[in-house]
Amino acid sequence: MCVSERAPVSNQGFTLIEIIVGMVISAISLTMLYSLIYPQIVRSVEPMLQIRAAELGQAMVEEILAKPYDENSPTGGVPPCSSCTVAADFGVDSGESTRADFDDVDDFHHYCGSPQAVDQIAGVTPSGFDNFRMEVCVIYDGNYDAVADANQNAKRITVSVYAPTRGSGFAPPIRFSAYRGNF
């Protein structure tokens, strides 16, 4: 009788200790990977928000610059306004209840003092601008040195737009400044 010899069978599996060590190494690797990639994902949104803030600020500046210099400016702007609005009276004039009623540059000074939600300024929130804030300030600056003065030859318009950030805060403002001359 012939007895066949069998080759010894080796178990080729993992031990419990090897599985646990592999899981711990995988968990540490995934945690490190997540901590490196997640902040990058959040930061990738910030440039898009800054672009939107720039678009919003530019649109506001263009709207303001399209208005006449002053309430007392003659039609066509010539000759220049000689009895212009006193700087202390900048803001909404009587009979102007909404932004649609604003008829000169300094009416927009109504939005100076603290940043306001875009819907409070625009009346509605334009699509994609939730949680943005804006501030508009107008000063006399006939010397063009960014300092308020009594020279009524020019008004400096400053639009500040605050884009939302992670959490409840706001990014530093994106500021636009332009001059509207008395002509």
Protein backbone atom coordinates (compact mmCIF):
# COMPACT_ATOMS: atom_id res chain seq x y z
CA MET A 1 0.00 0.00 0.00
CA CYS A 2 1.19 3.29 -1.01
CA VAL A 3 0.72 6.14 1.26
CA SER A 4 0.78 9.50 -0.34
CA GLU A 5 2.53 12.12 1.54
CA ARG A 6 0.90 15.44 1.87
CA ALA A 7 2.84 18.63 1.88
CA PRO A 8 2.47 20.58 5.09
CA VAL A 9 -0.27 23.19 4.81
CA SER A 10 0.70 26.66 5.97
CA ASN A 11 -1.91 29.11 7.09
CA GLN A 12 -1.47 32.30 5.11
CA GLY A 13 -3.82 34.71 6.92
CA PHE A 14 -3.31 37.70 9.14
CA THR A 15 -3.18 37.50 12.86
CA LEU A 16 -5.47 39.60 14.99
CA ILE A 17 -2.55 41.79 16.07
CA GLU A 18 -1.57 42.46 12.45
CA ILE A 19 -5.15 43.51 11.61
CA ILE A 20 -5.35 45.87 14.59
CA VAL A 21 -1.97 47.46 13.76
CA GLY A 22 -3.10 47.91 10.13
CA MET A 23 -6.35 49.59 11.23
CA VAL A 24 -4.49 51.97 13.56
CA ILE A 25 -2.02 52.93 10.83
CA SER A 26 -4.90 53.47 8.36
CA ALA A 27 -6.80 55.62 10.87
CA ILE A 28 -3.75 57.78 11.56
CA SER A 29 -3.05 58.15 7.83
CA LEU A 30 -6.65 59.16 7.05
CA THR A 31 -6.70 61.63 9.94
CA MET A 32 -3.52 63.30 8.71
CA LEU A 33 -4.78 63.37 5.14
CA TYR A 34 -8.11 64.88 6.22
CA SER A 35 -6.42 67.53 8.37
CA LEU A 36 -4.27 68.58 5.42
CA ILE A 37 -6.95 68.57 2.70
CA TYR A 38 -10.02 69.93 4.53
CA PRO A 39 -8.55 73.42 5.21
CA GLN A 40 -7.59 73.64 1.54
CA ILE A 41 -11.16 72.89 0.49
CA VAL A 42 -12.48 75.65 2.75
CA ARG A 43 -9.86 78.11 1.50
CA SER A 44 -10.69 77.31 -2.11
CA VAL A 45 -14.06 79.02 -1.62
CA GLU A 46 -12.56 82.28 -0.32
CA PRO A 47 -11.30 83.53 -3.71
CA MET A 48 -14.75 82.98 -5.19
CA LEU A 49 -16.32 85.00 -2.36
CA GLN A 50 -13.76 87.76 -2.88
CA ILE A 51 -14.60 87.87 -6.59
CA ARG A 52 -18.29 88.17 -5.77
CA ALA A 53 -17.53 90.94 -3.28
CA ALA A 54 -15.52 92.78 -5.93
CA GLU A 55 -18.37 92.46 -8.43
CA LEU A 56 -20.85 93.78 -5.89
CA GLY A 57 -18.62 96.72 -4.94
CA GLN A 58 -17.90 97.63 -8.56
CA ALA A 59 -21.61 97.56 -9.42
CA MET A 60 -22.39 99.87 -6.50
CA VAL A 61 -19.64 102.34 -7.47
CA GLU A 62 -20.89 102.42 -11.05
CA GLU A 63 -24.45 103.07 -9.89
CA ILE A 64 -23.35 105.93 -7.63
CA LEU A 65 -21.11 107.54 -10.26
CA ALA A 66 -24.05 107.57 -12.69
CA LYS A 67 -25.96 109.93 -10.35
CA PRO A 68 -25.66 113.73 -10.45
CA TYR A 69 -23.06 115.35 -8.20
CA ASP A 70 -25.51 117.06 -5.86
CA GLU A 71 -29.18 117.69 -5.21
CA ASN A 72 -28.58 121.30 -6.28
CA SER A 73 -26.59 120.49 -9.43
CA PRO A 74 -28.15 122.03 -12.53
CA THR A 75 -29.39 119.71 -15.26
CA GLY A 76 -26.39 118.60 -17.28
CA GLY A 77 -24.05 119.60 -14.43
CA VAL A 78 -23.00 122.92 -15.96
CA PRO A 79 -22.23 125.30 -14.36
CA PRO A 80 -20.89 123.45 -11.29
CA CYS A 81 -23.02 123.41 -8.18
CA SER A 82 -22.34 126.58 -6.21
CA SER A 83 -24.67 125.98 -3.24
CA CYS A 84 -24.04 122.29 -2.68
CA THR A 85 -25.44 120.20 0.15
CA VAL A 86 -23.65 120.71 3.47
CA ALA A 87 -21.61 117.61 4.41
CA ALA A 88 -23.54 117.27 7.66
CA ASP A 89 -26.72 116.80 5.59
CA PHE A 90 -25.36 113.95 3.45
CA GLY A 91 -27.76 111.03 3.30
CA VAL A 92 -31.35 110.54 2.28
CA ASP A 93 -33.17 113.73 1.31
CA SER A 94 -36.83 114.28 2.15
CA GLY A 95 -39.14 112.30 -0.09
CA GLU A 96 -36.51 109.63 -0.76
CA SER A 97 -37.58 106.51 1.06
CA THR A 98 -35.73 103.83 -0.92
CA ARG A 99 -32.53 103.50 -2.91
CA ALA A 100 -34.55 103.72 -6.11
CA ASP A 101 -35.40 107.30 -5.10
CA PHE A 102 -31.76 108.35 -4.62
CA ASP A 103 -31.05 111.12 -7.11
CA ASP A 104 -27.52 112.27 -6.25
CA VAL A 105 -24.19 110.92 -5.01
CA ASP A 106 -24.42 111.92 -1.35
CA ASP A 107 -27.76 110.14 -0.83
CA PHE A 108 -25.77 106.90 -0.60
CA HIS A 109 -24.02 108.22 2.53
CA HIS A 110 -27.17 106.92 4.24
CA TYR A 111 -25.39 103.54 4.34
CA CYS A 112 -22.32 104.83 6.19
CA GLY A 113 -21.50 104.02 9.79
CA SER A 114 -21.75 100.25 9.98
CA PRO A 115 -21.85 97.46 7.43
CA GLN A 116 -25.37 96.45 6.47
CA ALA A 117 -26.73 93.31 4.88
CA VAL A 118 -26.93 93.58 1.10
CA ASP A 119 -30.70 93.10 1.16
CA GLN A 120 -31.05 96.18 3.39
CA ILE A 121 -29.21 98.24 0.78
CA ALA A 122 -30.49 96.60 -2.40
CA GLY A 123 -34.00 95.87 -1.18
CA VAL A 124 -33.53 92.21 -2.15
CA THR A 125 -30.63 89.82 -1.83
CA PRO A 126 -29.15 89.21 -5.26
CA SER A 127 -28.60 85.54 -5.98
CA GLY A 128 -25.31 84.33 -4.53
CA PHE A 129 -24.82 87.25 -2.12
CA ASP A 130 -26.33 85.83 1.06
CA ASN A 131 -24.50 86.99 4.19
CA PHE A 132 -22.52 89.70 2.37
CA ARG A 133 -22.40 93.11 4.05
CA MET A 134 -21.72 96.53 2.55
CA GLU A 135 -21.06 100.10 3.64
CA VAL A 136 -21.05 103.27 1.50
CA CYS A 137 -19.55 106.55 2.71
CA VAL A 138 -19.36 109.88 0.87
CA ILE A 139 -17.21 112.87 1.89
CA TYR A 140 -16.16 116.16 0.35
CA ASP A 141 -12.53 115.80 -0.73
CA GLY A 142 -11.66 118.57 -3.15
CA ASN A 143 -7.96 118.11 -2.36
CA TYR A 144 -8.04 114.44 -3.46
CA ASP A 145 -6.10 113.33 -0.38
CA ALA A 146 -8.70 110.91 1.10
CA VAL A 147 -9.35 113.30 3.99
CA ALA A 148 -12.67 115.10 4.40
CA ASP A 149 -12.41 118.84 3.82
CA ALA A 150 -14.62 121.84 3.06
CA ASN A 151 -13.62 121.99 -0.61
CA GLN A 152 -16.80 121.13 -2.52
CA ASN A 153 -15.10 120.46 -5.87
CA ALA A 154 -15.18 116.69 -5.44
CA LYS A 155 -16.87 113.96 -3.45
CA ARG A 156 -15.02 110.81 -2.48
CA ILE A 157 -17.14 107.69 -2.54
CA THR A 158 -15.91 104.68 -0.58
CA VAL A 159 -17.71 101.35 -0.92
CA SER A 160 -16.64 98.58 1.48
CA VAL A 161 -17.85 95.03 0.87
CA TYR A 162 -17.50 92.32 3.49
CA ALA A 163 -17.60 88.73 2.25
CA PRO A 164 -18.67 85.99 4.67
CA THR A 165 -16.07 83.59 6.00
CA ARG A 166 -16.13 80.28 7.77
CA GLY A 167 -18.12 80.54 10.97
CA SER A 168 -19.95 83.77 11.67
CA GLY A 169 -17.22 86.27 10.85
CA PHE A 170 -16.37 88.37 7.82
CA ALA A 171 -13.26 88.70 5.76
CA PRO A 172 -11.45 92.04 5.77
CA PRO A 173 -13.38 94.43 3.54
CA ILE A 174 -12.70 94.93 -0.12
CA ARG A 175 -12.75 98.71 -0.60
CA PHE A 176 -13.47 100.72 -3.70
CA SER A 177 -12.95 104.46 -3.83
CA ALA A 178 -13.90 106.84 -6.59
CA TYR A 179 -14.24 110.58 -7.01
CA ARG A 180 -17.20 112.41 -8.50
CA GLY A 181 -16.26 115.90 -9.60
CA ASN A 182 -18.49 118.96 -9.37
CA PHE A 183 -19.09 119.43 -13.09
